[in-house]
């Protein structure tokens, strides 16, 4: 009984394999439906007509947008130019602001001179180790080499450090503050310091140019904090 069932199973499998190996593949052509039929009275399809109308309308809207954008940019440029020019003219007329600028840059120049003097003095003191050399020619060469290396190295290091700080500040400014809001803040802070400089100095004895730089520093810090706060919450 079991052998008979197995024979029937093997015969069925053989017939199945034979059918799979000898079956014919017949390709039946199928017509694909045309989505957009041609109009009866013209050669263009309805789709092409609609696309042509869309392209025409899009070009008109793009032209209007470009024209309005150009007008807006021109008005903004004129407004900024007028604000900057009037602020600069008033700054030139403001004796208090000009005197504060002179004091500010004079302080910076004095600080740089002091740093340079200390650097040269340090190089001179370190170069005194050449006094222990008996040969005066060799001692003189070593003295000036040490002095040039110490002084020049310190000055170059300070210059590189200042350049690095400047690049970082400019990078932060471009990343977080390079927009029209920054221009408005600069103009408003400059106008406030120039027009109300006398009242500011009577209330708060501070250099006006230093005050402007401090305001910009606080502004950059606020923009950096707000940008980071928005990025952490997925608003950007």
C-alpha atoms as a PDB file:
ATOM      1  CA  UNK A   1       0.000   0.000   0.000  1.00  0.00           C
ATOM      2  CA  UNK A   2       2.792   2.408   0.919  1.00  0.00           C
ATOM      3  CA  UNK A   3       4.772   1.488  -2.186  1.00  0.00           C
ATOM      4  CA  UNK A   4       1.742   2.127  -4.367  1.00  0.00           C
ATOM      5  CA  UNK A   5       1.289   5.619  -2.864  1.00  0.00           C
ATOM      6  CA  UNK A   6       4.964   6.381  -3.401  1.00  0.00           C
ATOM      7  CA  UNK A   7       4.727   5.267  -7.035  1.00  0.00           C
ATOM      8  CA  UNK A   8       1.760   7.557  -7.594  1.00  0.00           C
ATOM      9  CA  UNK A   9       3.637  10.435  -5.952  1.00  0.00           C
ATOM     10  CA  UNK A  10       6.724   9.880  -8.122  1.00  0.00           C
ATOM     11  CA  UNK A  11       4.548   9.686 -11.229  1.00  0.00           C
ATOM     12  CA  UNK A  12       2.809  12.959 -10.314  1.00  0.00           C
ATOM     13  CA  UNK A  13       6.139  14.691  -9.717  1.00  0.00           C
ATOM     14  CA  UNK A  14       7.436  13.380 -13.035  1.00  0.00           C
ATOM     15  CA  UNK A  15       4.381  14.713 -14.857  1.00  0.00           C
ATOM     16  CA  UNK A  16       4.780  18.068 -13.115  1.00  0.00           C
ATOM     17  CA  UNK A  17       8.453  18.357 -14.087  1.00  0.00           C
ATOM     18  CA  UNK A  18       7.645  17.352 -17.652  1.00  0.00           C
ATOM     19  CA  UNK A  19       4.911  19.983 -17.875  1.00  0.00           C
ATOM     20  CA  UNK A  20       7.207  22.695 -16.501  1.00  0.00           C
ATOM     21  CA  UNK A  21      10.034  21.817 -18.874  1.00  0.00           C
ATOM     22  CA  UNK A  22       7.898  21.537 -22.014  1.00  0.00           C
ATOM     23  CA  UNK A  23       5.440  24.371 -21.553  1.00  0.00           C
ATOM     24  CA  UNK A  24       5.416  27.158 -24.151  1.00  0.00           C
ATOM     25  CA  UNK A  25       5.609  30.863 -23.361  1.00  0.00           C
ATOM     26  CA  UNK A  26       3.162  32.835 -25.433  1.00  0.00           C
ATOM     27  CA  UNK A  27       3.386  36.632 -25.556  1.00  0.00           C
ATOM     28  CA  UNK A  28       0.031  38.326 -25.845  1.00  0.00           C
ATOM     29  CA  UNK A  29       0.198  41.905 -27.122  1.00  0.00           C
ATOM     30  CA  UNK A  30      -1.587  44.336 -24.834  1.00  0.00           C
ATOM     31  CA  UNK A  31      -2.445  47.825 -25.927  1.00  0.00           C
ATOM     32  CA  UNK A  32      -1.440  50.479 -23.434  1.00  0.00           C
ATOM     33  CA  UNK A  33      -4.102  53.097 -22.836  1.00  0.00           C
ATOM     34  CA  UNK A  34      -3.236  56.614 -23.949  1.00  0.00           C
ATOM     35  CA  UNK A  35      -3.695  58.977 -21.037  1.00  0.00           C
ATOM     36  CA  UNK A  36      -4.164  62.111 -23.091  1.00  0.00           C
ATOM     37  CA  UNK A  37      -6.117  61.685 -26.296  1.00  0.00           C
ATOM     38  CA  UNK A  38      -5.731  64.200 -29.054  1.00  0.00           C
ATOM     39  CA  UNK A  39      -8.349  66.850 -29.536  1.00  0.00           C
ATOM     40  CA  UNK A  40     -10.629  66.426 -32.456  1.00  0.00           C
ATOM     41  CA  UNK A  41     -10.136  69.909 -33.887  1.00  0.00           C
ATOM     42  CA  UNK A  42      -6.370  70.355 -33.401  1.00  0.00           C
ATOM     43  CA  UNK A  43      -3.099  68.469 -33.513  1.00  0.00           C
ATOM     44  CA  UNK A  44      -2.026  69.213 -29.917  1.00  0.00           C
ATOM     45  CA  UNK A  45      -3.134  67.138 -26.990  1.00  0.00           C
ATOM     46  CA  UNK A  46      -5.031  68.543 -24.041  1.00  0.00           C
ATOM     47  CA  UNK A  47      -2.037  67.878 -21.846  1.00  0.00           C
ATOM     48  CA  UNK A  48       0.280  69.932 -24.033  1.00  0.00           C
ATOM     49  CA  UNK A  49      -2.181  72.801 -24.065  1.00  0.00           C
ATOM     50  CA  UNK A  50      -2.490  72.771 -20.288  1.00  0.00           C
ATOM     51  CA  UNK A  51       1.292  72.547 -19.906  1.00  0.00           C
ATOM     52  CA  UNK A  52       1.779  75.466 -22.270  1.00  0.00           C
ATOM     53  CA  UNK A  53      -0.658  77.608 -20.281  1.00  0.00           C
ATOM     54  CA  UNK A  54       1.094  76.606 -17.052  1.00  0.00           C
ATOM     55  CA  UNK A  55       4.550  77.466 -18.409  1.00  0.00           C
ATOM     56  CA  UNK A  56       3.341  80.830 -19.663  1.00  0.00           C
ATOM     57  CA  UNK A  57       1.755  81.705 -16.340  1.00  0.00           C
ATOM     58  CA  UNK A  58       4.832  80.522 -14.476  1.00  0.00           C
ATOM     59  CA  UNK A  59       7.129  82.707 -16.571  1.00  0.00           C
ATOM     60  CA  UNK A  60       4.911  85.729 -15.961  1.00  0.00           C
ATOM     61  CA  UNK A  61       4.864  85.131 -12.214  1.00  0.00           C
ATOM     62  CA  UNK A  62       8.639  84.584 -12.153  1.00  0.00           C
ATOM     63  CA  UNK A  63       9.154  87.871 -13.999  1.00  0.00           C
ATOM     64  CA  UNK A  64       6.909  89.727 -11.562  1.00  0.00           C
ATOM     65  CA  UNK A  65       8.712  88.167  -8.609  1.00  0.00           C
ATOM     66  CA  UNK A  66      12.122  89.165  -9.963  1.00  0.00           C
ATOM     67  CA  UNK A  67      10.945  92.708 -10.606  1.00  0.00           C
ATOM     68  CA  UNK A  68       9.513  93.079  -7.098  1.00  0.00           C
ATOM     69  CA  UNK A  69      12.651  91.543  -5.584  1.00  0.00           C
ATOM     70  CA  UNK A  70      14.854  93.985  -7.489  1.00  0.00           C
ATOM     71  CA  UNK A  71      12.726  96.932  -6.340  1.00  0.00           C
ATOM     72  CA  UNK A  72      12.837  95.723  -2.736  1.00  0.00           C
ATOM     73  CA  UNK A  73      16.615  95.254  -2.813  1.00  0.00           C
ATOM     74  CA  UNK A  74      17.096  98.686  -4.375  1.00  0.00           C
ATOM     75  CA  UNK A  75      14.942 100.322  -1.701  1.00  0.00           C
ATOM     76  CA  UNK A  76      16.785  98.483   1.058  1.00  0.00           C
ATOM     77  CA  UNK A  77      20.141  99.521  -0.404  1.00  0.00           C
ATOM     78  CA  UNK A  78      19.070 103.159  -0.598  1.00  0.00           C
ATOM     79  CA  UNK A  79      17.722 103.047   2.942  1.00  0.00           C
ATOM     80  CA  UNK A  80      20.913 101.489   4.301  1.00  0.00           C
ATOM     81  CA  UNK A  81      23.080 103.921   2.330  1.00  0.00           C
ATOM     82  CA  UNK A  82      21.102 106.877   3.650  1.00  0.00           C
ATOM     83  CA  UNK A  83      21.249 105.595   7.226  1.00  0.00           C
ATOM     84  CA  UNK A  84      24.975 104.887   7.074  1.00  0.00           C
ATOM     85  CA  UNK A  85      25.834 108.197   5.418  1.00  0.00           C
ATOM     86  CA  UNK A  86      23.817 110.305   7.855  1.00  0.00           C
ATOM     87  CA  UNK A  87      25.217 108.363  10.808  1.00  0.00           C
ATOM     88  CA  UNK A  88      28.801 108.795   9.588  1.00  0.00           C
ATOM     89  CA  UNK A  89      28.322 112.512   8.949  1.00  0.00           C
ATOM     90  CA  UNK A  90      26.896 112.961  12.416  1.00  0.00           C
ATOM     91  CA  UNK A  91      29.757 110.895  13.849  1.00  0.00           C
ATOM     92  CA  UNK A  92      32.272 113.242  12.224  1.00  0.00           C
ATOM     93  CA  UNK A  93      30.484 116.202  13.751  1.00  0.00           C
ATOM     94  CA  UNK A  94      30.307 114.593  17.197  1.00  0.00           C
ATOM     95  CA  UNK A  95      33.360 115.731  19.149  1.00  0.00           C
ATOM     96  CA  UNK A  96      32.629 113.373  22.041  1.00  0.00           C
ATOM     97  CA  UNK A  97      32.536 110.289  19.834  1.00  0.00           C
ATOM     98  CA  UNK A  98      35.651 111.315  17.894  1.00  0.00           C
ATOM     99  CA  UNK A  99      37.569 111.936  21.113  1.00  0.00           C
ATOM    100  CA  UNK A 100      36.507 108.536  22.446  1.00  0.00           C
ATOM    101  CA  UNK A 101      37.671 106.904  19.210  1.00  0.00           C
ATOM    102  CA  UNK A 102      41.052 108.623  19.527  1.00  0.00           C
ATOM    103  CA  UNK A 103      41.372 107.509  23.143  1.00  0.00           C
ATOM    104  CA  UNK A 104      40.346 103.949  22.254  1.00  0.00           C
ATOM    105  CA  UNK A 105      42.873 103.523  19.447  1.00  0.00           C
ATOM    106  CA  UNK A 106      45.559 105.319  21.442  1.00  0.00           C
ATOM    107  CA  UNK A 107      45.008 102.859  24.282  1.00  0.00           C
ATOM    108  CA  UNK A 108      45.295  99.932  21.884  1.00  0.00           C
ATOM    109  CA  UNK A 109      48.493 101.372  20.391  1.00  0.00           C
ATOM    110  CA  UNK A 110      49.969 101.893  23.865  1.00  0.00           C
ATOM    111  CA  UNK A 111      49.072  98.333  24.832  1.00  0.00           C
ATOM    112  CA  UNK A 112      50.723  96.959  21.692  1.00  0.00           C
ATOM    113  CA  UNK A 113      53.834  99.038  22.346  1.00  0.00           C
ATOM    114  CA  UNK A 114      54.026  97.753  25.912  1.00  0.00           C
ATOM    115  CA  UNK A 115      53.674  94.148  24.753  1.00  0.00           C
ATOM    116  CA  UNK A 116      56.346  94.672  22.109  1.00  0.00           C
ATOM    117  CA  UNK A 117      58.646  96.332  24.666  1.00  0.00           C
ATOM    118  CA  UNK A 118      58.203  93.492  27.135  1.00  0.00           C
ATOM    119  CA  UNK A 119      58.873  90.952  24.392  1.00  0.00           C
ATOM    120  CA  UNK A 120      62.059  92.711  23.306  1.00  0.00           C
ATOM    121  CA  UNK A 121      63.175  93.035  26.920  1.00  0.00           C
ATOM    122  CA  UNK A 122      62.542  89.339  27.521  1.00  0.00           C
ATOM    123  CA  UNK A 123      64.589  88.461  24.451  1.00  0.00           C
ATOM    124  CA  UNK A 124      67.386  90.729  25.639  1.00  0.00           C
ATOM    125  CA  UNK A 125      67.430  89.156  29.090  1.00  0.00           C
ATOM    126  CA  UNK A 126      67.437  85.619  27.725  1.00  0.00           C
ATOM    127  CA  UNK A 127      70.224  86.511  25.304  1.00  0.00           C
ATOM    128  CA  UNK A 128      72.463  87.401  28.250  1.00  0.00           C
ATOM    129  CA  UNK A 129      73.400  83.725  28.487  1.00  0.00           C
ATOM    130  CA  UNK A 130      75.854  84.386  25.673  1.00  0.00           C
ATOM    131  CA  UNK A 131      78.020  86.438  28.046  1.00  0.00           C
ATOM    132  CA  UNK A 132      79.584  83.252  29.317  1.00  0.00           C
ATOM    133  CA  UNK A 133      81.195  82.569  25.930  1.00  0.00           C
ATOM    134  CA  UNK A 134      84.824  83.663  25.810  1.00  0.00           C
ATOM    135  CA  UNK A 135      84.943  84.324  22.072  1.00  0.00           C
ATOM    136  CA  UNK A 136      83.376  87.774  21.525  1.00  0.00           C
ATOM    137  CA  UNK A 137      82.441  87.104  17.888  1.00  0.00           C
ATOM    138  CA  UNK A 138      80.628  83.873  18.692  1.00  0.00           C
ATOM    139  CA  UNK A 139      79.076  85.480  21.760  1.00  0.00           C
ATOM    140  CA  UNK A 140      77.751  88.375  19.664  1.00  0.00           C
ATOM    141  CA  UNK A 141      76.296  86.047  17.031  1.00  0.00           C
ATOM    142  CA  UNK A 142      74.584  83.873  19.637  1.00  0.00           C
ATOM    143  CA  UNK A 143      73.346  86.954  21.486  1.00  0.00           C
ATOM    144  CA  UNK A 144      71.584  88.400  18.453  1.00  0.00           C
ATOM    145  CA  UNK A 145      70.303  85.015  17.306  1.00  0.00           C
ATOM    146  CA  UNK A 146      68.692  84.346  20.686  1.00  0.00           C
ATOM    147  CA  UNK A 147      67.309  87.851  20.880  1.00  0.00           C
ATOM    148  CA  UNK A 148      65.808  87.711  17.380  1.00  0.00           C
ATOM    149  CA  UNK A 149      64.365  84.245  17.934  1.00  0.00           C
ATOM    150  CA  UNK A 150      62.776  85.117  21.283  1.00  0.00           C
ATOM    151  CA  UNK A 151      61.441  88.518  20.259  1.00  0.00           C
ATOM    152  CA  UNK A 152      60.366  87.488  16.770  1.00  0.00           C
ATOM    153  CA  UNK A 153      58.829  84.240  17.968  1.00  0.00           C
ATOM    154  CA  UNK A 154      56.777  85.982  20.639  1.00  0.00           C
ATOM    155  CA  UNK A 155      55.588  88.669  18.235  1.00  0.00           C
ATOM    156  CA  UNK A 156      54.699  86.112  15.572  1.00  0.00           C
ATOM    157  CA  UNK A 157      52.883  83.979  18.148  1.00  0.00           C
ATOM    158  CA  UNK A 158      50.850  86.942  19.362  1.00  0.00           C
ATOM    159  CA  UNK A 159      50.027  87.865  15.770  1.00  0.00           C
ATOM    160  CA  UNK A 160      48.886  84.330  14.969  1.00  0.00           C
ATOM    161  CA  UNK A 161      46.764  84.253  18.130  1.00  0.00           C
ATOM    162  CA  UNK A 162      45.090  87.552  17.253  1.00  0.00           C
ATOM    163  CA  UNK A 163      44.485  86.391  13.680  1.00  0.00           C
ATOM    164  CA  UNK A 164      42.960  83.138  14.951  1.00  0.00           C
ATOM    165  CA  UNK A 165      40.645  85.021  17.314  1.00  0.00           C
ATOM    166  CA  UNK A 166      39.645  87.381  14.517  1.00  0.00           C
ATOM    167  CA  UNK A 167      38.878  84.493  12.151  1.00  0.00           C
ATOM    168  CA  UNK A 168      36.750  82.800  14.806  1.00  0.00           C
ATOM    169  CA  UNK A 169      34.807  85.986  15.519  1.00  0.00           C
ATOM    170  CA  UNK A 170      34.220  86.624  11.816  1.00  0.00           C
ATOM    171  CA  UNK A 171      33.108  83.008  11.368  1.00  0.00           C
ATOM    172  CA  UNK A 172      30.602  83.279  14.222  1.00  0.00           C
ATOM    173  CA  UNK A 173      29.392  86.590  12.852  1.00  0.00           C
ATOM    174  CA  UNK A 174      28.815  85.145   9.384  1.00  0.00           C
ATOM    175  CA  UNK A 175      27.157  82.016  10.732  1.00  0.00           C
ATOM    176  CA  UNK A 176      24.757  83.567  13.228  1.00  0.00           C
ATOM    177  CA  UNK A 177      24.500  87.296  12.444  1.00  0.00           C
ATOM    178  CA  UNK A 178      24.870  87.749   8.686  1.00  0.00           C
ATOM    179  CA  UNK A 179      21.429  89.230   7.972  1.00  0.00           C
ATOM    180  CA  UNK A 180      19.421  92.439   7.890  1.00  0.00           C
ATOM    181  CA  UNK A 181      18.750  92.293  11.645  1.00  0.00           C
ATOM    182  CA  UNK A 182      22.459  92.763  12.313  1.00  0.00           C
ATOM    183  CA  UNK A 183      22.570  95.803  10.042  1.00  0.00           C
ATOM    184  CA  UNK A 184      19.645  97.316  11.925  1.00  0.00           C
ATOM    185  CA  UNK A 185      21.298  96.618  15.284  1.00  0.00           C
ATOM    186  CA  UNK A 186      24.574  98.199  14.129  1.00  0.00           C
ATOM    187  CA  UNK A 187      22.857 101.300  12.761  1.00  0.00           C
ATOM    188  CA  UNK A 188      20.631 101.733  15.810  1.00  0.00           C
ATOM    189  CA  UNK A 189      23.499 101.251  18.268  1.00  0.00           C
ATOM    190  CA  UNK A 190      25.740 103.651  16.326  1.00  0.00           C
ATOM    191  CA  UNK A 191      22.999 106.262  16.066  1.00  0.00           C
ATOM    192  CA  UNK A 192      22.254 105.936  19.772  1.00  0.00           C
ATOM    193  CA  UNK A 193      25.918 106.283  20.735  1.00  0.00           C
ATOM    194  CA  UNK A 194      26.425 109.267  18.420  1.00  0.00           C
ATOM    195  CA  UNK A 195      23.235 111.237  19.013  1.00  0.00           C
ATOM    196  CA  UNK A 196      22.968 110.507  22.738  1.00  0.00           C
ATOM    197  CA  UNK A 197      26.665 110.207  23.525  1.00  0.00           C
ATOM    198  CA  UNK A 198      26.673 113.196  25.851  1.00  0.00           C
ATOM    199  CA  UNK A 199      23.825 111.846  27.976  1.00  0.00           C
ATOM    200  CA  UNK A 200      25.341 108.363  27.984  1.00  0.00           C
ATOM    201  CA  UNK A 201      28.701 109.622  29.256  1.00  0.00           C
ATOM    202  CA  UNK A 202      27.077 111.713  31.974  1.00  0.00           C
ATOM    203  CA  UNK A 203      25.170 108.652  33.183  1.00  0.00           C
ATOM    204  CA  UNK A 204      27.806 105.991  32.499  1.00  0.00           C
ATOM    205  CA  UNK A 205      31.441 107.122  32.166  1.00  0.00           C
ATOM    206  CA  UNK A 206      32.490 104.685  29.457  1.00  0.00           C
ATOM    207  CA  UNK A 207      34.191 104.938  26.100  1.00  0.00           C
ATOM    208  CA  UNK A 208      31.519 105.093  23.388  1.00  0.00           C
ATOM    209  CA  UNK A 209      33.450 102.989  20.871  1.00  0.00           C
ATOM    210  CA  UNK A 210      34.106 100.360  23.520  1.00  0.00           C
ATOM    211  CA  UNK A 211      30.395 100.466  24.351  1.00  0.00           C
ATOM    212  CA  UNK A 212      29.524  99.810  20.706  1.00  0.00           C
ATOM    213  CA  UNK A 213      31.887  96.840  20.553  1.00  0.00           C
ATOM    214  CA  UNK A 214      30.503  95.502  23.820  1.00  0.00           C
ATOM    215  CA  UNK A 215      26.942  95.789  22.500  1.00  0.00           C
ATOM    216  CA  UNK A 216      27.950  93.851  19.390  1.00  0.00           C
ATOM    217  CA  UNK A 217      29.593  91.189  21.542  1.00  0.00           C
ATOM    218  CA  UNK A 218      26.433  90.806  23.627  1.00  0.00           C
ATOM    219  CA  UNK A 219      24.336  90.726  20.459  1.00  0.00           C
ATOM    220  CA  UNK A 220      26.456  87.949  18.919  1.00  0.00           C
ATOM    221  CA  UNK A 221      26.215  85.978  22.160  1.00  0.00           C
ATOM    222  CA  UNK A 222      22.428  86.295  22.199  1.00  0.00           C
ATOM    223  CA  UNK A 223      22.115  85.231  18.563  1.00  0.00           C
ATOM    224  CA  UNK A 224      24.443  82.282  19.160  1.00  0.00           C
ATOM    225  CA  UNK A 225      22.410  81.169  22.192  1.00  0.00           C
ATOM    226  CA  UNK A 226      19.071  81.538  20.388  1.00  0.00           C
ATOM    227  CA  UNK A 227      20.372  79.628  17.352  1.00  0.00           C
ATOM    228  CA  UNK A 228      21.638  76.795  19.533  1.00  0.00           C
ATOM    229  CA  UNK A 229      18.379  76.718  21.507  1.00  0.00           C
ATOM    230  CA  UNK A 230      16.340  76.453  18.307  1.00  0.00           C
ATOM    231  CA  UNK A 231      18.589  73.787  16.805  1.00  0.00           C
ATOM    232  CA  UNK A 232      18.381  71.594  19.910  1.00  0.00           C
ATOM    233  CA  UNK A 233      14.581  71.702  19.688  1.00  0.00           C
ATOM    234  CA  UNK A 234      14.444  71.005  15.976  1.00  0.00           C
ATOM    235  CA  UNK A 235      13.268  74.408  14.794  1.00  0.00           C
ATOM    236  CA  UNK A 236      16.050  74.615  12.164  1.00  0.00           C
END
